[in-house]
N, C-alpha and C. Protein backbone atom coordinates (compact mmCIF):
# COMPACT_ATOMS: atom_id res chain seq x y z
N MET A 1 80.50 95.26 99.36
CA MET A 1 82.04 96.23 98.74
C MET A 1 83.13 95.84 99.93
N GLN A 2 82.62 95.87 100.99
CA GLN A 2 83.49 96.36 102.11
C GLN A 2 84.69 94.46 102.71
N ARG A 3 83.89 93.80 102.20
CA ARG A 3 84.40 92.22 102.23
C ARG A 3 85.11 92.10 101.24
N ALA A 4 84.85 92.27 99.77
CA ALA A 4 85.66 92.42 98.68
C ALA A 4 86.92 93.06 98.86
N LEU A 5 86.93 94.37 99.36
CA LEU A 5 88.35 95.25 99.69
C LEU A 5 89.43 94.58 100.82
N ARG A 6 88.64 94.08 101.25
CA ARG A 6 88.87 93.41 102.98
C ARG A 6 89.76 92.35 102.49
N SER A 7 89.26 91.29 101.45
CA SER A 7 89.71 90.43 100.76
C SER A 7 90.92 90.31 100.22
N ALA A 8 91.03 91.47 99.32
CA ALA A 8 91.78 91.99 97.93
C ALA A 8 92.70 92.16 98.78
N SER A 9 92.91 93.13 100.16
CA SER A 9 94.04 93.57 101.06
C SER A 9 94.83 92.52 101.66
N LEU A 10 93.95 91.73 102.18
CA LEU A 10 94.50 90.31 102.45
C LEU A 10 95.71 89.22 101.50
N VAL A 11 94.53 89.08 100.82
CA VAL A 11 95.71 88.56 99.65
C VAL A 11 97.12 89.22 99.32
N LEU A 12 96.85 90.40 98.65
CA LEU A 12 98.02 91.60 98.81
C LEU A 12 99.14 91.53 99.53
N PHE A 13 98.89 91.64 100.64
CA PHE A 13 99.65 91.72 101.87
C PHE A 13 99.93 89.83 101.82
N SER A 14 99.15 88.79 102.17
CA SER A 14 99.88 87.48 102.11
C SER A 14 100.53 87.13 100.86
N LEU A 15 100.72 87.82 99.78
CA LEU A 15 101.61 87.34 98.50
C LEU A 15 102.49 88.33 99.06
N VAL A 16 102.75 89.50 99.18
CA VAL A 16 104.02 89.89 100.01
C VAL A 16 105.03 88.98 101.27
N ALA A 17 104.30 88.85 101.80
CA ALA A 17 104.75 87.99 103.41
C ALA A 17 104.75 86.51 102.51
N LEU A 18 104.39 85.60 101.65
CA LEU A 18 104.87 84.72 101.16
C LEU A 18 105.79 85.01 99.79
N PHE A 19 106.35 86.06 99.41
CA PHE A 19 107.36 86.36 98.68
C PHE A 19 108.40 86.36 99.78
N LEU A 20 108.31 87.41 100.69
CA LEU A 20 109.46 87.13 101.37
C LEU A 20 109.98 85.98 102.41
N VAL A 21 109.08 85.25 102.63
CA VAL A 21 109.36 83.64 102.75
C VAL A 21 110.44 82.97 101.84
N TRP A 22 109.78 83.24 100.82
CA TRP A 22 110.77 82.28 99.25
C TRP A 22 111.71 83.14 99.42
N PHE A 23 112.11 84.37 99.19
CA PHE A 23 112.80 85.38 99.24
C PHE A 23 114.21 84.72 100.32
N GLY A 24 113.87 84.70 101.39
CA GLY A 24 114.57 84.37 102.39
C GLY A 24 115.04 83.18 102.23
N VAL A 25 114.05 82.03 101.98
CA VAL A 25 114.57 80.73 102.06
C VAL A 25 116.03 80.53 100.94
N THR A 26 115.32 81.02 99.89
CA THR A 26 116.48 81.33 98.54
C THR A 26 117.88 82.21 99.18
N TYR A 27 117.42 82.79 99.72
CA TYR A 27 119.15 83.91 99.75
C TYR A 27 119.58 82.80 101.22
N ALA A 28 119.14 82.32 101.88
CA ALA A 28 119.92 81.26 103.27
C ALA A 28 120.31 80.29 102.68
N SER A 29 119.86 79.50 101.68
CA SER A 29 120.45 78.04 101.23
C SER A 29 121.58 78.20 99.63
N VAL A 30 121.53 79.49 99.55
CA VAL A 30 122.72 79.70 98.40
C VAL A 30 123.99 79.24 98.60
N THR A 31 124.88 78.42 97.87
CA THR A 31 126.28 77.53 98.28
C THR A 31 127.27 78.22 96.93
N ASP A 32 126.51 79.34 96.42
CA ASP A 32 127.58 80.36 95.33
C ASP A 32 127.03 81.94 94.95
N MET A 33 128.21 82.78 94.87
CA MET A 33 127.62 83.82 94.75
C MET A 33 126.36 84.33 93.45
N LEU A 34 125.43 84.67 93.70
CA LEU A 34 124.42 85.05 92.52
C LEU A 34 124.91 85.95 91.76
N TRP A 35 124.95 85.50 90.33
CA TRP A 35 125.53 86.62 89.34
C TRP A 35 125.24 87.50 89.41
N PHE A 36 124.18 88.31 89.85
CA PHE A 36 124.26 89.92 90.40
C PHE A 36 125.10 90.32 91.28
N HIS A 37 125.44 89.36 92.73
CA HIS A 37 126.07 89.59 93.28
C HIS A 37 127.93 89.78 92.80
N ALA A 38 127.75 88.53 92.60
CA ALA A 38 129.43 88.59 91.53
C ALA A 38 129.56 89.26 90.62
N ALA A 39 128.50 90.20 90.24
CA ALA A 39 128.94 91.07 88.93
C ALA A 39 129.60 92.30 90.14
N ALA A 40 129.63 92.56 91.60
CA ALA A 40 130.22 93.34 91.92
C ALA A 40 130.95 93.58 92.83
N VAL A 41 131.71 92.35 92.47
CA VAL A 41 132.96 91.39 92.82
C VAL A 41 134.23 91.63 92.28
N PRO A 42 135.48 91.93 92.30
CA PRO A 42 135.85 91.31 91.03
C PRO A 42 136.63 90.18 91.25
N GLU A 43 136.85 89.60 89.68
CA GLU A 43 136.71 87.87 89.87
C GLU A 43 138.04 87.31 90.71
N ALA A 44 138.89 88.43 90.91
CA ALA A 44 139.89 88.09 92.02
C ALA A 44 139.70 87.89 93.23
N ALA A 45 139.06 88.78 94.01
CA ALA A 45 138.46 88.49 94.79
C ALA A 45 137.45 87.89 95.45
N ARG A 46 136.72 87.29 94.83
CA ARG A 46 135.31 86.42 94.84
C ARG A 46 135.96 84.94 96.02
N ASP A 47 137.11 84.62 95.88
CA ASP A 47 137.29 83.49 97.06
C ASP A 47 137.37 84.24 97.89
N ASP A 48 137.83 84.89 98.41
CA ASP A 48 138.30 85.93 99.96
C ASP A 48 137.07 86.43 100.96
N VAL A 49 136.14 86.48 99.88
CA VAL A 49 134.87 86.94 100.30
C VAL A 49 133.78 85.99 100.35
N ARG A 50 133.83 84.93 99.98
CA ARG A 50 133.05 83.89 99.90
C ARG A 50 132.35 83.78 101.02
N THR A 51 133.08 83.64 101.89
CA THR A 51 132.34 82.72 103.37
C THR A 51 132.03 83.89 103.90
N LEU A 52 132.34 85.19 103.99
CA LEU A 52 131.57 86.79 104.62
C LEU A 52 130.31 86.49 103.66
N TYR A 53 130.33 86.52 102.15
CA TYR A 53 129.02 86.86 101.36
C TYR A 53 128.25 85.68 101.87
N LEU A 54 128.29 84.21 101.85
CA LEU A 54 127.51 83.42 102.34
C LEU A 54 126.79 83.20 103.84
N ALA A 55 127.62 84.13 104.70
CA ALA A 55 127.40 84.17 106.07
C ALA A 55 126.09 85.57 105.98
N LEU A 56 126.27 86.58 105.26
CA LEU A 56 125.49 87.61 105.00
C LEU A 56 124.33 87.13 104.16
N MET A 57 124.50 86.19 103.32
CA MET A 57 123.71 86.05 102.84
C MET A 57 122.20 85.10 103.80
N ASN A 58 122.74 84.17 104.24
CA ASN A 58 122.16 83.41 105.57
C ASN A 58 121.48 84.59 106.67
N LEU A 59 122.02 85.50 107.12
CA LEU A 59 121.47 86.52 107.53
C LEU A 59 120.37 87.12 107.07
N ILE A 60 120.53 87.76 106.06
CA ILE A 60 119.50 88.32 105.14
C ILE A 60 118.29 87.21 105.18
N GLY A 61 118.94 86.29 104.46
CA GLY A 61 117.54 84.90 104.26
C GLY A 61 116.93 84.70 105.60
N GLY A 62 117.93 84.62 106.68
CA GLY A 62 116.71 84.89 107.57
C GLY A 62 116.18 85.65 108.15
N ALA A 63 116.30 86.94 108.20
CA ALA A 63 115.81 87.93 108.38
C ALA A 63 114.35 87.62 107.61
N SER A 64 115.00 87.89 106.18
CA SER A 64 113.79 87.97 105.19
C SER A 64 112.41 86.53 105.29
N ALA A 65 112.83 85.85 105.81
CA ALA A 65 111.82 84.51 105.94
C ALA A 65 111.31 84.66 107.29
N ALA A 66 111.97 85.46 108.27
CA ALA A 66 111.14 85.54 109.37
C ALA A 66 110.00 86.90 109.33
N LEU A 67 110.87 87.73 108.80
CA LEU A 67 109.61 89.02 108.55
C LEU A 67 108.58 88.14 107.67
N GLY A 68 108.92 87.61 106.76
CA GLY A 68 107.67 87.05 105.94
C GLY A 68 106.76 86.02 106.80
N LEU A 69 106.87 85.19 107.84
CA LEU A 69 106.69 84.41 108.41
C LEU A 69 105.32 85.05 109.93
N LEU A 70 106.16 86.48 110.28
CA LEU A 70 105.62 87.28 111.74
C LEU A 70 104.52 87.82 110.81
N GLY A 71 104.49 88.39 109.09
CA GLY A 71 103.59 88.94 108.37
C GLY A 71 102.49 88.03 107.95
N LEU A 72 102.66 86.62 107.80
CA LEU A 72 101.50 85.77 107.35
C LEU A 72 100.83 85.72 109.26
N TYR A 73 101.86 85.39 110.28
CA TYR A 73 100.87 85.30 111.28
C TYR A 73 99.91 86.75 111.45
N VAL A 74 100.56 88.19 111.30
CA VAL A 74 99.73 89.48 111.16
C VAL A 74 98.58 89.41 110.80
N ILE A 75 98.66 88.77 109.32
CA ILE A 75 97.84 88.94 108.27
C ILE A 75 96.45 87.51 108.88
N ALA A 76 97.03 86.53 109.31
CA ALA A 76 95.96 85.56 109.63
C ALA A 76 95.18 85.59 111.14
N PHE A 77 95.96 86.07 111.74
CA PHE A 77 95.34 86.96 113.27
C PHE A 77 94.73 88.03 113.61
N PRO A 78 95.80 88.96 113.45
CA PRO A 78 95.23 90.46 114.10
C PRO A 78 94.48 91.34 112.72
N LEU A 79 95.24 90.85 111.54
CA LEU A 79 94.14 91.74 110.65
C LEU A 79 92.96 91.65 110.39
N ARG A 80 92.93 90.20 110.27
CA ARG A 80 91.75 89.18 110.41
C ARG A 80 90.71 89.56 111.12
N ARG A 81 90.95 89.94 112.36
CA ARG A 81 90.28 90.30 113.28
C ARG A 81 90.08 91.91 113.30
N ARG A 82 90.41 92.45 112.40
CA ARG A 82 90.70 94.07 112.26
C ARG A 82 90.88 94.91 113.04
N GLU A 83 92.12 94.60 114.02
CA GLU A 83 92.84 94.94 114.62
C GLU A 83 93.71 96.15 113.83
N ARG A 84 92.95 97.63 114.60
CA ARG A 84 94.01 98.58 113.91
C ARG A 84 94.84 99.01 113.51
N TRP A 85 95.95 98.26 114.22
CA TRP A 85 97.16 98.61 114.00
C TRP A 85 97.89 97.54 113.31
N ALA A 86 97.42 96.60 112.66
CA ALA A 86 98.19 95.42 112.31
C ALA A 86 98.38 96.18 110.41
N ALA A 87 97.73 97.03 110.10
CA ALA A 87 98.03 96.52 108.70
C ALA A 87 98.91 97.97 108.83
N THR A 88 99.24 98.47 109.40
CA THR A 88 99.68 99.89 109.42
C THR A 88 101.27 99.41 109.75
N ALA A 89 101.43 98.36 111.06
CA ALA A 89 102.69 97.67 111.10
C ALA A 89 102.92 96.52 109.97
N LEU A 90 102.51 96.49 109.06
CA LEU A 90 102.57 95.29 108.07
C LEU A 90 103.27 96.42 107.22
N LEU A 91 102.79 97.75 107.23
CA LEU A 91 103.30 98.83 105.81
C LEU A 91 104.60 99.04 106.57
N ILE A 92 104.67 99.54 107.67
CA ILE A 92 105.84 100.37 108.53
C ILE A 92 106.78 98.89 108.02
N CYS A 93 106.74 98.17 108.45
CA CYS A 93 107.97 97.09 108.65
C CYS A 93 107.98 96.43 107.21
N ASN A 94 107.07 96.55 106.53
CA ASN A 94 107.51 95.95 104.70
C ASN A 94 108.72 97.12 103.83
N SER A 95 107.98 98.25 104.25
CA SER A 95 108.47 99.36 103.70
C SER A 95 109.87 99.70 104.25
N THR A 96 109.92 99.53 105.68
CA THR A 96 111.35 99.82 105.99
C THR A 96 112.28 98.75 105.20
N VAL A 97 111.90 97.44 104.89
CA VAL A 97 113.07 96.78 104.03
C VAL A 97 112.82 96.55 103.00
N PHE A 98 112.16 97.54 102.06
CA PHE A 98 111.91 97.40 101.13
C PHE A 98 112.65 98.62 100.10
N ILE A 99 112.45 99.92 101.18
CA ILE A 99 113.33 101.14 100.91
C ILE A 99 114.61 100.82 101.01
N MET A 100 114.88 100.24 102.52
CA MET A 100 116.76 100.44 102.31
C MET A 100 116.69 99.06 101.50
N ALA A 101 116.05 98.45 101.10
CA ALA A 101 116.70 96.48 99.86
C ALA A 101 117.17 97.96 98.59
N ALA A 102 116.19 98.91 98.44
CA ALA A 102 116.37 99.44 96.92
C ALA A 102 117.72 100.39 97.32
N ILE A 103 117.51 101.07 98.61
CA ILE A 103 118.81 102.14 98.27
C ILE A 103 119.97 101.46 98.42
N THR A 104 120.15 100.32 99.09
CA THR A 104 121.23 99.42 99.19
C THR A 104 121.59 98.76 97.30
N ALA A 105 120.64 98.34 96.99
CA ALA A 105 121.26 98.43 95.52
C ALA A 105 121.26 99.29 94.75
N GLU A 106 120.78 99.98 94.75
CA GLU A 106 120.94 101.41 93.92
C GLU A 106 122.91 102.34 94.55
N GLU A 107 122.90 101.89 95.39
CA GLU A 107 124.27 102.38 96.02
C GLU A 107 125.22 101.32 95.04
N LEU A 108 124.71 100.16 95.69
CA LEU A 108 125.97 98.86 94.97
C LEU A 108 126.14 99.18 93.67
N ALA A 109 125.00 99.34 92.79
CA ALA A 109 125.13 99.28 91.35
C ALA A 109 125.44 100.68 91.17
N ALA A 110 125.63 101.60 91.92
CA ALA A 110 126.69 102.56 91.42
C ALA A 110 128.18 102.85 91.72
N ALA A 111 128.31 101.82 92.34
CA ALA A 111 129.76 101.87 92.70
C ALA A 111 130.46 100.77 92.26
N THR A 112 129.77 100.12 91.63
CA THR A 112 130.00 99.04 91.33
C THR A 112 130.10 98.43 89.70
N GLY A 113 128.38 99.04 89.52
CA GLY A 113 128.23 98.86 87.74
C GLY A 113 127.44 97.62 88.02
N SER A 114 127.17 97.07 89.12
CA SER A 114 126.42 95.55 88.86
C SER A 114 125.17 95.74 88.50
N PRO A 115 124.42 95.25 88.30
CA PRO A 115 123.09 95.35 87.82
C PRO A 115 121.99 95.30 89.39
N THR A 116 120.85 96.36 89.45
CA THR A 116 120.44 96.81 90.35
C THR A 116 118.90 95.82 90.67
N SER A 117 118.55 95.49 91.52
CA SER A 117 117.06 94.99 91.82
C SER A 117 116.25 95.56 92.75
N TRP A 118 116.29 97.12 92.22
CA TRP A 118 114.91 98.18 93.31
C TRP A 118 114.15 97.95 92.31
N HIS A 119 113.89 97.74 91.17
CA HIS A 119 112.42 97.28 90.21
C HIS A 119 111.80 95.98 90.99
N ILE A 120 112.46 95.60 92.09
CA ILE A 120 111.77 94.34 92.52
C ILE A 120 110.91 94.73 93.98
N MET A 121 111.98 95.42 94.68
CA MET A 121 111.25 96.27 95.77
C MET A 121 110.10 97.36 95.54
N GLY A 122 110.15 98.39 93.83
CA GLY A 122 109.33 98.93 93.77
C GLY A 122 108.20 98.52 93.84
N VAL A 123 108.03 97.07 93.19
CA VAL A 123 106.70 96.24 93.28
C VAL A 123 106.40 96.30 94.41
N LEU A 124 107.27 95.47 95.20
CA LEU A 124 106.95 94.86 96.81
C LEU A 124 106.33 96.09 96.92
N MET A 125 106.79 97.28 97.02
CA MET A 125 106.51 98.37 97.83
C MET A 125 105.00 98.97 97.26
N ALA A 126 104.68 99.06 96.29
CA ALA A 126 103.49 99.44 95.34
C ALA A 126 102.52 97.94 95.97
N VAL A 127 102.77 97.41 95.93
CA VAL A 127 101.92 95.86 96.33
C VAL A 127 101.57 95.89 97.62
N THR A 128 102.49 96.50 98.73
CA THR A 128 102.33 96.72 100.12
C THR A 128 101.05 97.93 100.37
N LEU A 129 101.72 98.76 99.29
CA LEU A 129 100.72 99.85 99.80
C LEU A 129 99.29 100.21 98.95
N ALA A 130 99.09 99.00 98.27
CA ALA A 130 97.91 98.66 97.31
C ALA A 130 96.77 97.89 98.96
N ALA A 131 97.67 97.19 99.18
CA ALA A 131 96.71 96.44 100.39
C ALA A 131 96.67 97.08 101.36
N TYR A 132 97.07 98.25 101.88
CA TYR A 132 97.06 99.12 102.99
C TYR A 132 95.70 100.13 102.52
N ALA A 133 96.44 100.42 100.95
CA ALA A 133 95.00 101.50 100.81
C ALA A 133 93.39 100.33 100.65
N LEU A 134 93.57 99.29 99.98
CA LEU A 134 92.47 98.62 100.53
C LEU A 134 91.87 98.43 101.99
N ASN A 135 92.84 98.03 102.60
CA ASN A 135 92.45 97.84 104.13
C ASN A 135 91.98 99.11 104.33
N ALA A 136 92.78 99.97 103.91
CA ALA A 136 91.70 101.39 104.81
C ALA A 136 90.42 101.90 103.97
N ALA A 137 90.05 101.28 102.95
CA ALA A 137 89.08 101.38 102.12
C ALA A 137 88.23 100.80 102.56
N SER A 138 88.57 99.79 103.15
CA SER A 138 87.10 98.36 103.55
C SER A 138 86.75 98.83 105.10
N ARG A 139 88.06 99.46 105.33
CA ARG A 139 87.35 100.39 106.67
C ARG A 139 86.47 101.38 106.64
N SER A 140 86.75 102.93 105.85
CA SER A 140 85.72 103.85 105.61
C SER A 140 84.35 103.20 105.08
N SER A 141 84.63 102.47 104.34
CA SER A 141 83.05 101.78 104.27
C SER A 141 82.31 101.97 105.22
N ARG A 142 82.77 101.66 105.97
CA ARG A 142 81.87 101.37 107.26
C ARG A 142 81.86 102.44 108.45
N GLY A 143 81.50 103.72 107.75
CA GLY A 143 81.26 104.72 107.95
C GLY A 143 80.14 105.22 108.76
N PRO A 144 79.92 106.69 109.44
CA PRO A 144 79.48 106.94 110.62
C PRO A 144 77.88 106.53 110.49
N TYR A 145 77.56 106.32 109.03
CA TYR A 145 76.29 106.09 108.50
C TYR A 145 75.63 105.11 109.02
N GLN A 146 76.74 104.30 108.73
CA GLN A 146 76.26 102.10 108.85
C GLN A 146 76.23 102.39 110.06
N ARG A 147 77.04 102.93 110.92
CA ARG A 147 77.13 102.40 112.51
C ARG A 147 75.76 103.19 113.36
N LEU A 148 75.13 104.46 112.68
CA LEU A 148 74.26 104.51 112.99
C LEU A 148 72.68 103.69 112.83
N ALA A 149 72.81 103.43 111.11
CA ALA A 149 71.70 102.42 110.67
C ALA A 149 71.63 100.75 111.87
N ARG A 150 72.81 100.98 112.17
CA ARG A 150 73.18 99.37 113.13
C ARG A 150 72.70 99.72 114.31
N GLU A 151 72.80 100.84 115.03
CA GLU A 151 72.53 101.24 116.27
C GLU A 151 71.08 101.81 116.28
N GLY A 152 70.22 102.01 115.08
CA GLY A 152 68.97 102.04 115.27
C GLY A 152 68.40 104.08 115.38
N LEU A 153 69.98 104.65 114.85
CA LEU A 153 69.79 106.09 114.78
C LEU A 153 69.24 106.56 114.02
N SER A 154 69.11 105.83 112.50
CA SER A 154 69.35 106.59 111.56
C SER A 154 67.59 107.31 111.11
């Protein structure tokens, strides 16, 4: 059971990290405003803000891809080696990004009437929380009785 919980945790954390890489590459490679961003900018101002928009998309894309790659590294090495801090680090870093992205999307939607993407961030947050919970459950299934049995003290 412990192995299945641990494997499920690794898979879910990996899916989030791979999404962040894909998202980052997608954002960093845009050449024009995405439709949901364009909805937040008056048509007459789009040409004036395009250069800044593309620069910010590169920044967001690069940061997202880097977070995803860092996550894949943490998953492949420290998390697989059962380093205690690894799952918590992934939870904190991913949650910070997803919460801030959701808040930003909602504030932008309220200010401009543009569509919001907080739902996507909510799903990613839920997957991250599930991965963390599965990791914790896989650790708790190795309780004190199993340790005692392993040491021959039961």
